[in-house]
Amino acid sequence: MTRTLLLLGTLWVGVLLGLCGCQSLEDEIAENETKAKAIIAALDLYQQTYGMYPDTLEELSPVFIYRVPLTADEEEFQYRNYDDSELGYRIAFSVNSNYGCGYEAKFEEWECSPDPE
């Protein structure tokens, strides 16, 4: 009986997590980084075509990317053009409103850390 209740409780928690759309921090970061890969590819194509990066991500659509994806939380990716070909640009997103990740084109890597309060 106890085993059955434990199993039912575990299943119920799984259903609730599935209904709320809850993701672990790692899963949400991975999903956002995957979505950002399309933006990064479009930015690189834009730069190869025009010799500079766009001022906004919207300038990529529809020629370089059909539609700029949103983050896992349905937010826009943050973008900054450094107006310097050596630095390039930065793409960033927030996770759970207290954690952030950013991609620096110059270093071609993601860095994540808690957002300062």
PDB file of N, CA and C in Angstrom:
ATOM      1  N   MET A   1       0.820  -1.197   0.000  1.00  0.00           N
ATOM      2  CA  MET A   1       0.000   0.000   0.000  1.00  0.00           C
ATOM      3  C   MET A   1       0.866   1.263   0.000  1.00  0.00           C
ATOM      4  N   THR A   2       1.860   1.280   0.887  1.00  0.00           N
ATOM      5  CA  THR A   2       2.747   2.435   0.961  1.00  0.00           C
ATOM      6  C   THR A   2       3.498   2.627  -0.348  1.00  0.00           C
ATOM      7  N   ARG A   3       3.918   1.536  -0.936  1.00  0.00           N
ATOM      8  CA  ARG A   3       4.637   1.603  -2.208  1.00  0.00           C
ATOM      9  C   ARG A   3       3.737   2.175  -3.300  1.00  0.00           C
ATOM     10  N   THR A   4       2.466   1.765  -3.311  1.00  0.00           N
ATOM     11  CA  THR A   4       1.509   2.268  -4.294  1.00  0.00           C
ATOM     12  C   THR A   4       1.285   3.759  -4.103  1.00  0.00           C
ATOM     13  N   LEU A   5       1.147   4.204  -2.852  1.00  0.00           N
ATOM     14  CA  LEU A   5       0.960   5.626  -2.581  1.00  0.00           C
ATOM     15  C   LEU A   5       2.190   6.438  -2.986  1.00  0.00           C
ATOM     16  N   LEU A   6       3.360   5.899  -2.728  1.00  0.00           N
ATOM     17  CA  LEU A   6       4.595   6.567  -3.120  1.00  0.00           C
ATOM     18  C   LEU A   6       4.677   6.696  -4.633  1.00  0.00           C
ATOM     19  N   LEU A   7       4.335   5.631  -5.337  1.00  0.00           N
ATOM     20  CA  LEU A   7       4.349   5.651  -6.798  1.00  0.00           C
ATOM     21  C   LEU A   7       3.345   6.653  -7.337  1.00  0.00           C
ATOM     22  N   LEU A   8       2.135   6.659  -6.786  1.00  0.00           N
ATOM     23  CA  LEU A   8       1.115   7.617  -7.217  1.00  0.00           C
ATOM     24  C   LEU A   8       1.540   9.056  -6.914  1.00  0.00           C
ATOM     25  N   GLY A   9       2.157   9.260  -5.758  1.00  0.00           N
ATOM     26  CA  GLY A   9       2.653  10.595  -5.411  1.00  0.00           C
ATOM     27  C   GLY A   9       3.724  11.063  -6.368  1.00  0.00           C
ATOM     28  N   THR A  10       4.626  10.177  -6.731  1.00  0.00           N
ATOM     29  CA  THR A  10       5.685  10.504  -7.689  1.00  0.00           C
ATOM     30  C   THR A  10       5.103  10.841  -9.049  1.00  0.00           C
ATOM     31  N   LEU A  11       4.135  10.053  -9.484  1.00  0.00           N
ATOM     32  CA  LEU A  11       3.477  10.322 -10.769  1.00  0.00           C
ATOM     33  C   LEU A  11       2.752  11.660 -10.735  1.00  0.00           C
ATOM     34  N   TRP A  12       2.081  11.958  -9.623  1.00  0.00           N
ATOM     35  CA  TRP A  12       1.350  13.210  -9.491  1.00  0.00           C
ATOM     36  C   TRP A  12       2.301  14.407  -9.574  1.00  0.00           C
ATOM     37  N   VAL A  13       3.441  14.333  -8.921  1.00  0.00           N
ATOM     38  CA  VAL A  13       4.441  15.410  -8.990  1.00  0.00           C
ATOM     39  C   VAL A  13       4.927  15.566 -10.426  1.00  0.00           C
ATOM     40  N   GLY A  14       5.150  14.455 -11.106  1.00  0.00           N
ATOM     41  CA  GLY A  14       5.569  14.515 -12.509  1.00  0.00           C
ATOM     42  C   GLY A  14       4.534  15.187 -13.381  1.00  0.00           C
ATOM     43  N   VAL A  15       3.264  14.884 -13.150  1.00  0.00           N
ATOM     44  CA  VAL A  15       2.185  15.522 -13.908  1.00  0.00           C
ATOM     45  C   VAL A  15       2.156  17.009 -13.631  1.00  0.00           C
ATOM     46  N   LEU A  16       2.264  17.387 -12.357  1.00  0.00           N
ATOM     47  CA  LEU A  16       2.251  18.807 -12.010  1.00  0.00           C
ATOM     48  C   LEU A  16       3.413  19.554 -12.647  1.00  0.00           C
ATOM     49  N   LEU A  17       4.594  18.970 -12.623  1.00  0.00           N
ATOM     50  CA  LEU A  17       5.746  19.613 -13.256  1.00  0.00           C
ATOM     51  C   LEU A  17       5.549  19.735 -14.751  1.00  0.00           C
ATOM     52  N   GLY A  18       4.973  18.718 -15.354  1.00  0.00           N
ATOM     53  CA  GLY A  18       4.699  18.776 -16.787  1.00  0.00           C
ATOM     54  C   GLY A  18       3.688  19.847 -17.125  1.00  0.00           C
ATOM     55  N   LEU A  19       2.662  20.012 -16.283  1.00  0.00           N
ATOM     56  CA  LEU A  19       1.634  21.015 -16.535  1.00  0.00           C
ATOM     57  C   LEU A  19       2.154  22.428 -16.346  1.00  0.00           C
ATOM     58  N   CYS A  20       3.040  22.627 -15.394  1.00  0.00           N
ATOM     59  CA  CYS A  20       3.533  23.983 -15.143  1.00  0.00           C
ATOM     60  C   CYS A  20       4.599  24.384 -16.148  1.00  0.00           C
ATOM     61  N   GLY A  21       5.103  23.433 -16.919  1.00  0.00           N
ATOM     62  CA  GLY A  21       6.146  23.760 -17.877  1.00  0.00           C
ATOM     63  C   GLY A  21       7.475  24.041 -17.207  1.00  0.00           C
ATOM     64  N   CYS A  22       7.633  23.574 -15.977  1.00  0.00           N
ATOM     65  CA  CYS A  22       8.855  23.822 -15.217  1.00  0.00           C
ATOM     66  C   CYS A  22      10.045  23.140 -15.884  1.00  0.00           C
ATOM     67  N   GLN A  23      11.128  23.862 -15.936  1.00  0.00           N
ATOM     68  CA  GLN A  23      12.369  23.314 -16.457  1.00  0.00           C
ATOM     69  C   GLN A  23      13.442  23.530 -15.405  1.00  0.00           C
ATOM     70  N   SER A  24      14.409  22.662 -15.411  1.00  0.00           N
ATOM     71  CA  SER A  24      15.546  22.907 -14.535  1.00  0.00           C
ATOM     72  C   SER A  24      16.347  24.070 -15.108  1.00  0.00           C
ATOM     73  N   LEU A  25      17.142  24.673 -14.278  1.00  0.00           N
ATOM     74  CA  LEU A  25      17.993  25.778 -14.706  1.00  0.00           C
ATOM     75  C   LEU A  25      18.872  25.349 -15.868  1.00  0.00           C
ATOM     76  N   GLU A  26      19.467  24.177 -15.766  1.00  0.00           N
ATOM     77  CA  GLU A  26      20.356  23.682 -16.818  1.00  0.00           C
ATOM     78  C   GLU A  26      19.608  23.463 -18.130  1.00  0.00           C
ATOM     79  N   ASP A  27      18.386  22.924 -18.043  1.00  0.00           N
ATOM     80  CA  ASP A  27      17.589  22.687 -19.253  1.00  0.00           C
ATOM     81  C   ASP A  27      17.209  23.995 -19.929  1.00  0.00           C
ATOM     82  N   GLU A  28      16.829  24.985 -19.124  1.00  0.00           N
ATOM     83  CA  GLU A  28      16.434  26.272 -19.694  1.00  0.00           C
ATOM     84  C   GLU A  28      17.627  26.976 -20.345  1.00  0.00           C
ATOM     85  N   ILE A  29      18.777  26.906 -19.702  1.00  0.00           N
ATOM     86  CA  ILE A  29      19.986  27.499 -20.286  1.00  0.00           C
ATOM     87  C   ILE A  29      20.319  26.798 -21.599  1.00  0.00           C
ATOM     88  N   ALA A  30      20.277  25.476 -21.610  1.00  0.00           N
ATOM     89  CA  ALA A  30      20.588  24.719 -22.833  1.00  0.00           C
ATOM     90  C   ALA A  30      19.605  25.054 -23.948  1.00  0.00           C
ATOM     91  N   GLU A  31      18.326  25.172 -23.629  1.00  0.00           N
ATOM     92  CA  GLU A  31      17.333  25.515 -24.652  1.00  0.00           C
ATOM     93  C   GLU A  31      17.592  26.903 -25.221  1.00  0.00           C
ATOM     94  N   ASN A  32      17.899  27.858 -24.354  1.00  0.00           N
ATOM     95  CA  ASN A  32      18.172  29.218 -24.821  1.00  0.00           C
ATOM     96  C   ASN A  32      19.440  29.290 -25.660  1.00  0.00           C
ATOM     97  N   GLU A  33      20.469  28.568 -25.259  1.00  0.00           N
ATOM     98  CA  GLU A  33      21.705  28.556 -26.044  1.00  0.00           C
ATOM     99  C   GLU A  33      21.465  27.935 -27.417  1.00  0.00           C
ATOM    100  N   THR A  34      20.644  26.907 -27.478  1.00  0.00           N
ATOM    101  CA  THR A  34      20.309  26.278 -28.763  1.00  0.00           C
ATOM    102  C   THR A  34      19.557  27.258 -29.653  1.00  0.00           C
ATOM    103  N   LYS A  35      18.585  27.958 -29.092  1.00  0.00           N
ATOM    104  CA  LYS A  35      17.828  28.945 -29.869  1.00  0.00           C
ATOM    105  C   LYS A  35      18.741  30.073 -30.338  1.00  0.00           C
ATOM    106  N   ALA A  36      19.686  30.459 -29.499  1.00  0.00           N
ATOM    107  CA  ALA A  36      20.590  31.557 -29.845  1.00  0.00           C
ATOM    108  C   ALA A  36      21.549  31.189 -30.975  1.00  0.00           C
ATOM    109  N   LYS A  37      21.803  29.901 -31.169  1.00  0.00           N
ATOM    110  CA  LYS A  37      22.699  29.490 -32.263  1.00  0.00           C
ATOM    111  C   LYS A  37      22.201  29.982 -33.615  1.00  0.00           C
ATOM    112  N   ALA A  38      20.889  29.986 -33.811  1.00  0.00           N
ATOM    113  CA  ALA A  38      20.321  30.486 -35.068  1.00  0.00           C
ATOM    114  C   ALA A  38      20.564  31.988 -35.201  1.00  0.00           C
ATOM    115  N   ILE A  39      20.462  32.707 -34.092  1.00  0.00           N
ATOM    116  CA  ILE A  39      20.715  34.151 -34.115  1.00  0.00           C
ATOM    117  C   ILE A  39      22.189  34.414 -34.412  1.00  0.00           C
ATOM    118  N   ILE A  40      23.066  33.673 -33.767  1.00  0.00           N
ATOM    119  CA  ILE A  40      24.510  33.846 -33.974  1.00  0.00           C
ATOM    120  C   ILE A  40      24.882  33.585 -35.430  1.00  0.00           C
ATOM    121  N   ALA A  41      24.319  32.526 -36.011  1.00  0.00           N
ATOM    122  CA  ALA A  41      24.589  32.220 -37.428  1.00  0.00           C
ATOM    123  C   ALA A  41      24.092  33.351 -38.329  1.00  0.00           C
ATOM    124  N   ALA A  42      22.909  33.879 -38.026  1.00  0.00           N
ATOM    125  CA  ALA A  42      22.359  34.977 -38.828  1.00  0.00           C
ATOM    126  C   ALA A  42      23.205  36.243 -38.674  1.00  0.00           C
ATOM    127  N   LEU A  43      23.681  36.517 -37.465  1.00  0.00           N
ATOM    128  CA  LEU A  43      24.552  37.678 -37.249  1.00  0.00           C
ATOM    129  C   LEU A  43      25.848  37.544 -38.040  1.00  0.00           C
ATOM    130  N   ASP A  44      26.411  36.350 -38.064  1.00  0.00           N
ATOM    131  CA  ASP A  44      27.641  36.127 -38.826  1.00  0.00           C
ATOM    132  C   ASP A  44      27.413  36.327 -40.324  1.00  0.00           C
ATOM    133  N   LEU A  45      26.283  35.841 -40.830  1.00  0.00           N
ATOM    134  CA  LEU A  45      25.957  36.045 -42.253  1.00  0.00           C
ATOM    135  C   LEU A  45      25.743  37.521 -42.568  1.00  0.00           C
ATOM    136  N   TYR A  46      25.059  38.223 -41.690  1.00  0.00           N
ATOM    137  CA  TYR A  46      24.833  39.660 -41.863  1.00  0.00           C
ATOM    138  C   TYR A  46      26.168  40.397 -41.921  1.00  0.00           C
ATOM    139  N   GLN A  47      27.060  40.052 -41.005  1.00  0.00           N
ATOM    140  CA  GLN A  47      28.371  40.715 -40.963  1.00  0.00           C
ATOM    141  C   GLN A  47      29.185  40.400 -42.214  1.00  0.00           C
ATOM    142  N   GLN A  48      29.115  39.174 -42.706  1.00  0.00           N
ATOM    143  CA  GLN A  48      29.823  38.816 -43.937  1.00  0.00           C
ATOM    144  C   GLN A  48      29.266  39.567 -45.131  1.00  0.00           C
ATOM    145  N   THR A  49      27.971  39.843 -45.130  1.00  0.00           N
ATOM    146  CA  THR A  49      27.319  40.535 -46.242  1.00  0.00           C
ATOM    147  C   THR A  49      27.569  42.037 -46.212  1.00  0.00           C
ATOM    148  N   TYR A  50      27.424  42.656 -45.044  1.00  0.00           N
ATOM    149  CA  TYR A  50      27.485  44.114 -44.936  1.00  0.00           C
ATOM    150  C   TYR A  50      28.761  44.655 -44.297  1.00  0.00           C
ATOM    151  N   GLY A  51      29.609  43.777 -43.761  1.00  0.00           N
ATOM    152  CA  GLY A  51      30.846  44.226 -43.143  1.00  0.00           C
ATOM    153  C   GLY A  51      30.674  44.806 -41.750  1.00  0.00           C
ATOM    154  N   MET A  52      29.489  44.672 -41.183  1.00  0.00           N
ATOM    155  CA  MET A  52      29.203  45.156 -39.828  1.00  0.00           C
ATOM    156  C   MET A  52      28.026  44.360 -39.275  1.00  0.00           C
ATOM    157  N   TYR A  53      27.791  44.493 -37.976  1.00  0.00           N
ATOM    158  CA  TYR A  53      26.660  43.819 -37.353  1.00  0.00           C
ATOM    159  C   TYR A  53      25.467  44.765 -37.331  1.00  0.00           C
ATOM    160  N   PRO A  54      24.257  44.239 -37.309  1.00  0.00           N
ATOM    161  CA  PRO A  54      23.076  45.110 -37.284  1.00  0.00           C
ATOM    162  C   PRO A  54      22.929  45.813 -35.933  1.00  0.00           C
ATOM    163  N   ASP A  55      22.179  46.901 -35.935  1.00  0.00           N
ATOM    164  CA  ASP A  55      21.917  47.618 -34.688  1.00  0.00           C
ATOM    165  C   ASP A  55      20.915  46.878 -33.813  1.00  0.00           C
ATOM    166  N   THR A  56      19.990  46.146 -34.460  1.00  0.00           N
ATOM    167  CA  THR A  56      18.978  45.388 -33.724  1.00  0.00           C
ATOM    168  C   THR A  56      18.858  43.991 -34.329  1.00  0.00           C
ATOM    169  N   LEU A  57      18.352  43.059 -33.557  1.00  0.00           N
ATOM    170  CA  LEU A  57      18.138  41.701 -34.071  1.00  0.00           C
ATOM    171  C   LEU A  57      17.032  41.673 -35.116  1.00  0.00           C
ATOM    172  N   GLU A  58      16.080  42.582 -35.036  1.00  0.00           N
ATOM    173  CA  GLU A  58      14.974  42.621 -35.994  1.00  0.00           C
ATOM    174  C   GLU A  58      15.468  42.840 -37.424  1.00  0.00           C
ATOM    175  N   GLU A  59      16.632  43.475 -37.583  1.00  0.00           N
ATOM    176  CA  GLU A  59      17.190  43.715 -38.914  1.00  0.00           C
ATOM    177  C   GLU A  59      17.601  42.419 -39.610  1.00  0.00           C
ATOM    178  N   LEU A  60      17.700  41.336 -38.864  1.00  0.00           N
ATOM    179  CA  LEU A  60      18.069  40.042 -39.446  1.00  0.00           C
ATOM    180  C   LEU A  60      16.912  39.395 -40.208  1.00  0.00           C
ATOM    181  N   SER A  61      15.702  39.719 -39.820  1.00  0.00           N
ATOM    182  CA  SER A  61      14.514  39.070 -40.365  1.00  0.00           C
ATOM    183  C   SER A  61      13.928  39.885 -41.515  1.00  0.00           C
ATOM    184  N   PRO A  62      13.505  39.259 -42.570  1.00  0.00           N
ATOM    185  CA  PRO A  62      13.426  37.833 -42.855  1.00  0.00           C
ATOM    186  C   PRO A  62      14.562  37.309 -43.736  1.00  0.00           C
ATOM    187  N   VAL A  63      15.551  38.144 -44.053  1.00  0.00           N
ATOM    188  CA  VAL A  63      16.593  37.732 -45.000  1.00  0.00           C
ATOM    189  C   VAL A  63      17.569  36.724 -44.393  1.00  0.00           C
ATOM    190  N   PHE A  64      18.066  37.008 -43.193  1.00  0.00           N
ATOM    191  CA  PHE A  64      19.099  36.165 -42.601  1.00  0.00           C
ATOM    192  C   PHE A  64      18.549  35.120 -41.629  1.00  0.00           C
ATOM    193  N   ILE A  65      17.362  35.362 -41.140  1.00  0.00           N
ATOM    194  CA  ILE A  65      16.657  34.420 -40.269  1.00  0.00           C
ATOM    195  C   ILE A  65      15.172  34.693 -40.478  1.00  0.00           C
ATOM    196  N   TYR A  66      14.385  33.641 -40.593  1.00  0.00           N
ATOM    197  CA  TYR A  66      12.964  33.837 -40.871  1.00  0.00           C
ATOM    198  C   TYR A  66      12.304  34.662 -39.781  1.00  0.00           C
ATOM    199  N   ARG A  67      12.546  34.268 -38.538  1.00  0.00           N
ATOM    200  CA  ARG A  67      11.985  34.972 -37.382  1.00  0.00           C
ATOM    201  C   ARG A  67      12.978  34.837 -36.245  1.00  0.00           C
ATOM    202  N   VAL A  68      13.255  35.919 -35.557  1.00  0.00           N
ATOM    203  CA  VAL A  68      14.172  35.873 -34.419  1.00  0.00           C
ATOM    204  C   VAL A  68      13.471  35.109 -33.292  1.00  0.00           C
ATOM    205  N   PRO A  69      14.072  34.012 -32.826  1.00  0.00           N
ATOM    206  CA  PRO A  69      13.418  33.226 -31.776  1.00  0.00           C
ATOM    207  C   PRO A  69      13.366  33.966 -30.449  1.00  0.00           C
ATOM    208  N   LEU A  70      12.419  33.560 -29.625  1.00  0.00           N
ATOM    209  CA  LEU A  70      12.310  34.066 -28.259  1.00  0.00           C
ATOM    210  C   LEU A  70      12.968  33.069 -27.324  1.00  0.00           C
ATOM    211  N   THR A  71      13.259  33.503 -26.114  1.00  0.00           N
ATOM    212  CA  THR A  71      13.852  32.608 -25.114  1.00  0.00           C
ATOM    213  C   THR A  71      12.810  31.586 -24.661  1.00  0.00           C
ATOM    214  N   ALA A  72      13.244  30.661 -23.848  1.00  0.00           N
ATOM    215  CA  ALA A  72      12.340  29.639 -23.303  1.00  0.00           C
ATOM    216  C   ALA A  72      11.204  30.273 -22.501  1.00  0.00           C
ATOM    217  N   ASP A  73      11.436  31.456 -21.940  1.00  0.00           N
ATOM    218  CA  ASP A  73      10.417  32.184 -21.184  1.00  0.00           C
ATOM    219  C   ASP A  73       9.605  33.127 -22.064  1.00  0.00           C
ATOM    220  N   GLU A  74       9.739  32.971 -23.398  1.00  0.00           N
ATOM    221  CA  GLU A  74       9.015  33.813 -24.365  1.00  0.00           C
ATOM    222  C   GLU A  74       9.411  35.285 -24.267  1.00  0.00           C
ATOM    223  N   GLU A  75      10.666  35.535 -23.908  1.00  0.00           N
ATOM    224  CA  GLU A  75      11.211  36.890 -23.859  1.00  0.00           C
ATOM    225  C   GLU A  75      12.138  37.087 -25.050  1.00  0.00           C
ATOM    226  N   GLU A  76      12.402  38.339 -25.401  1.00  0.00           N
ATOM    227  CA  GLU A  76      13.363  38.619 -26.463  1.00  0.00           C
ATOM    228  C   GLU A  76      14.780  38.452 -25.920  1.00  0.00           C
ATOM    229  N   PHE A  77      15.670  37.955 -26.761  1.00  0.00           N
ATOM    230  CA  PHE A  77      17.076  37.921 -26.390  1.00  0.00           C
ATOM    231  C   PHE A  77      17.571  39.364 -26.344  1.00  0.00           C
ATOM    232  N   GLN A  78      18.431  39.659 -25.383  1.00  0.00           N
ATOM    233  CA  GLN A  78      19.042  40.985 -25.315  1.00  0.00           C
ATOM    234  C   GLN A  78      20.227  40.984 -26.280  1.00  0.00           C
ATOM    235  N   TYR A  79      20.415  42.098 -26.961  1.00  0.00           N
ATOM    236  CA  TYR A  79      21.474  42.191 -27.975  1.00  0.00           C
ATOM    237  C   TYR A  79      22.143  43.543 -27.870  1.00  0.00           C
ATOM    238  N   ARG A  80      23.446  43.522 -28.005  1.00  0.00           N
ATOM    239  CA  ARG A  80      24.208  44.768 -28.044  1.00  0.00           C
ATOM    240  C   ARG A  80      25.268  44.658 -29.121  1.00  0.00           C
ATOM    241  N   ASN A  81      25.262  45.619 -30.035  1.00  0.00           N
ATOM    242  CA  ASN A  81      26.287  45.733 -31.056  1.00  0.00           C
ATOM    243  C   ASN A  81      27.343  46.684 -30.504  1.00  0.00           C
ATOM    244  N   TYR A  82      28.570  46.199 -30.382  1.00  0.00           N
ATOM    245  CA  TYR A  82      29.631  47.020 -29.816  1.00  0.00           C
ATOM    246  C   TYR A  82      30.193  48.044 -30.809  1.00  0.00           C
ATOM    247  N   ASP A  83      29.709  48.032 -32.044  1.00  0.00           N
ATOM    248  CA  ASP A  83      30.203  48.963 -33.070  1.00  0.00           C
ATOM    249  C   ASP A  83      31.722  48.907 -33.209  1.00  0.00           C
ATOM    250  N   ASP A  84      32.275  47.751 -32.960  1.00  0.00           N
ATOM    251  CA  ASP A  84      33.716  47.564 -33.051  1.00  0.00           C
ATOM    252  C   ASP A  84      33.922  46.151 -33.591  1.00  0.00           C
ATOM    253  N   SER A  85      34.496  46.059 -34.779  1.00  0.00           N
ATOM    254  CA  SER A  85      34.619  44.742 -35.398  1.00  0.00           C
ATOM    255  C   SER A  85      35.436  43.767 -34.550  1.00  0.00           C
ATOM    256  N   GLU A  86      36.303  44.293 -33.686  1.00  0.00           N
ATOM    257  CA  GLU A  86      37.105  43.420 -32.845  1.00  0.00           C
ATOM    258  C   GLU A  86      36.268  42.790 -31.728  1.00  0.00           C
ATOM    259  N   LEU A  87      35.354  43.560 -31.149  1.00  0.00           N
ATOM    260  CA  LEU A  87      34.516  43.042 -30.069  1.00  0.00           C
ATOM    261  C   LEU A  87      33.250  42.364 -30.594  1.00  0.00           C
ATOM    262  N   GLY A  88      32.701  42.864 -31.670  1.00  0.00           N
ATOM    263  CA  GLY A  88      31.508  42.270 -32.261  1.00  0.00           C
ATOM    264  C   GLY A  88      30.235  42.629 -31.542  1.00  0.00           C
ATOM    265  N   TYR A  89      29.668  41.678 -30.831  1.00  0.00           N
ATOM    266  CA  TYR A  89      28.358  41.873 -30.211  1.00  0.00           C
ATOM    267  C   TYR A  89      28.224  40.980 -28.982  1.00  0.00           C
ATOM    268  N   ARG A  90      27.113  41.176 -28.274  1.00  0.00           N
ATOM    269  CA  ARG A  90      26.776  40.359 -27.113  1.00  0.00           C
ATOM    270  C   ARG A  90      25.298  39.999 -27.207  1.00  0.00           C
ATOM    271  N   ILE A  91      24.988  38.735 -26.960  1.00  0.00           N
ATOM    272  CA  ILE A  91      23.619  38.260 -26.846  1.00  0.00           C
ATOM    273  C   ILE A  91      23.468  37.753 -25.414  1.00  0.00           C
ATOM    274  N   ALA A  92      22.347  38.058 -24.782  1.00  0.00           N
ATOM    275  CA  ALA A  92      22.147  37.627 -23.404  1.00  0.00           C
ATOM    276  C   ALA A  92      20.695  37.248 -23.163  1.00  0.00           C
ATOM    277  N   PHE A  93      20.483  36.488 -22.097  1.00  0.00           N
ATOM    278  CA  PHE A  93      19.136  36.143 -21.655  1.00  0.00           C
ATOM    279  C   PHE A  93      19.150  35.937 -20.148  1.00  0.00           C
ATOM    280  N   SER A  94      17.979  36.102 -19.546  1.00  0.00           N
ATOM    281  CA  SER A  94      17.821  35.870 -18.106  1.00  0.00           C
ATOM    282  C   SER A  94      17.096  34.557 -17.897  1.00  0.00           C
ATOM    283  N   VAL A  95      17.405  33.917 -16.785  1.00  0.00           N
ATOM    284  CA  VAL A  95      16.759  32.668 -16.411  1.00  0.00           C
ATOM    285  C   VAL A  95      16.224  32.833 -14.994  1.00  0.00           C
ATOM    286  N   ASN A  96      14.962  32.538 -14.800  1.00  0.00           N
ATOM    287  CA  ASN A  96      14.347  32.598 -13.471  1.00  0.00           C
ATOM    288  C   ASN A  96      14.517  33.961 -12.803  1.00  0.00           C
ATOM    289  N   SER A  97      14.644  35.007 -13.550  1.00  0.00           N
ATOM    290  CA  SER A  97      14.751  36.400 -13.104  1.00  0.00           C
ATOM    291  C   SER A  97      15.915  36.677 -12.134  1.00  0.00           C
ATOM    292  N   ASN A  98      16.765  35.709 -11.882  1.00  0.00           N
ATOM    293  CA  ASN A  98      17.902  35.984 -10.992  1.00  0.00           C
ATOM    294  C   ASN A  98      19.202  35.350 -11.493  1.00  0.00           C
ATOM    295  N   TYR A  99      19.209  34.934 -12.726  1.00  0.00           N
ATOM    296  CA  TYR A  99      20.383  34.282 -13.292  1.00  0.00           C
ATOM    297  C   TYR A  99      20.472  34.709 -14.747  1.00  0.00           C
ATOM    298  N   GLY A 100      21.646  35.018 -15.221  1.00  0.00           N
ATOM    299  CA  GLY A 100      21.788  35.473 -16.592  1.00  0.00           C
ATOM    300  C   GLY A 100      22.939  34.813 -17.315  1.00  0.00           C
ATOM    301  N   CYS A 101      22.815  34.738 -18.644  1.00  0.00           N
ATOM    302  CA  CYS A 101      23.862  34.177 -19.483  1.00  0.00           C
ATOM    303  C   CYS A 101      24.106  35.122 -20.650  1.00  0.00           C
ATOM    304  N   GLY A 102      25.365  35.235 -21.041  1.00  0.00           N
ATOM    305  CA  GLY A 102      25.708  36.090 -22.162  1.00  0.00           C
ATOM    306  C   GLY A 102      26.726  35.426 -23.072  1.00  0.00           C
ATOM    307  N   TYR A 103      26.622  35.751 -24.358  1.00  0.00           N
ATOM    308  CA  TYR A 103      27.545  35.239 -25.364  1.00  0.00           C
ATOM    309  C   TYR A 103      28.290  36.428 -25.947  1.00  0.00           C
ATOM    310  N   GLU A 104      29.587  36.416 -25.829  1.00  0.00           N
ATOM    311  CA  GLU A 104      30.427  37.459 -26.404  1.00  0.00           C
ATOM    312  C   GLU A 104      31.017  36.944 -27.707  1.00  0.00           C
ATOM    313  N   ALA A 105      30.751  37.649 -28.812  1.00  0.00           N
ATOM    314  CA  ALA A 105      31.226  37.195 -30.117  1.00  0.00           C
ATOM    315  C   ALA A 105      32.747  37.082 -30.163  1.00  0.00           C
ATOM    316  N   LYS A 106      33.421  38.012 -29.523  1.00  0.00           N
ATOM    317  CA  LYS A 106      34.889  38.005 -29.565  1.00  0.00           C
ATOM    318  C   LYS A 106      35.456  36.705 -28.999  1.00  0.00           C
ATOM    319  N   PHE A 107      34.843  36.201 -27.939  1.00  0.00           N
ATOM    320  CA  PHE A 107      35.353  34.999 -27.278  1.00  0.00           C
ATOM    321  C   PHE A 107      34.650  33.726 -27.730  1.00  0.00           C
ATOM    322  N   GLU A 108      33.542  33.878 -28.443  1.00  0.00           N
ATOM    323  CA  GLU A 108      32.763  32.753 -28.968  1.00  0.00           C
ATOM    324  C   GLU A 108      32.409  31.738 -27.884  1.00  0.00           C
ATOM    325  N   GLU A 109      31.958  32.264 -26.730  1.00  0.00           N
ATOM    326  CA  GLU A 109      31.552  31.358 -25.664  1.00  0.00           C
ATOM    327  C   GLU A 109      30.507  32.024 -24.770  1.00  0.00           C
ATOM    328  N   TRP A 110      29.755  31.149 -24.097  1.00  0.00           N
ATOM    329  CA  TRP A 110      28.724  31.588 -23.153  1.00  0.00           C
ATOM    330  C   TRP A 110      29.316  31.673 -21.751  1.00  0.00           C
ATOM    331  N   GLU A 111      28.842  32.655 -20.994  1.00  0.00           N
ATOM    332  CA  GLU A 111      29.188  32.762 -19.584  1.00  0.00           C
ATOM    333  C   GLU A 111      27.900  33.037 -18.826  1.00  0.00           C
ATOM    334  N   CYS A 112      27.668  32.252 -17.780  1.00  0.00           N
ATOM    335  CA  CYS A 112      26.457  32.396 -16.978  1.00  0.00           C
ATOM    336  C   CYS A 112      26.817  32.693 -15.522  1.00  0.00           C
ATOM    337  N   SER A 113      25.990  33.533 -14.893  1.00  0.00           N
ATOM    338  CA  SER A 113      26.225  33.854 -13.487  1.00  0.00           C
ATOM    339  C   SER A 113      24.952  34.447 -12.907  1.00  0.00           C
ATOM    340  N   PRO A 114      24.862  34.491 -11.587  1.00  0.00           N
ATOM    341  CA  PRO A 114      23.707  35.148 -10.950  1.00  0.00           C
ATOM    342  C   PRO A 114      23.684  36.626 -11.317  1.00  0.00           C
ATOM    343  N   ASP A 115      22.476  37.152 -11.596  1.00  0.00           N
ATOM    344  CA  ASP A 115      22.344  38.584 -11.862  1.00  0.00           C
ATOM    345  C   ASP A 115      22.588  39.343 -10.570  1.00  0.00           C
ATOM    346  N   PRO A 116      23.292  40.482 -10.640  1.00  0.00           N
ATOM    347  CA  PRO A 116      23.487  41.271  -9.421  1.00  0.00           C
ATOM    348  C   PRO A 116      22.158  41.874  -8.970  1.00  0.00           C
ATOM    349  N   GLU A 117      21.952  41.939  -7.690  1.00  0.00           N
ATOM    350  CA  GLU A 117      20.687  42.472  -7.178  1.00  0.00           C
ATOM    351  C   GLU A 117      20.809  43.928  -6.867  1.00  0.00           C
TER     352      GLU A 117
END
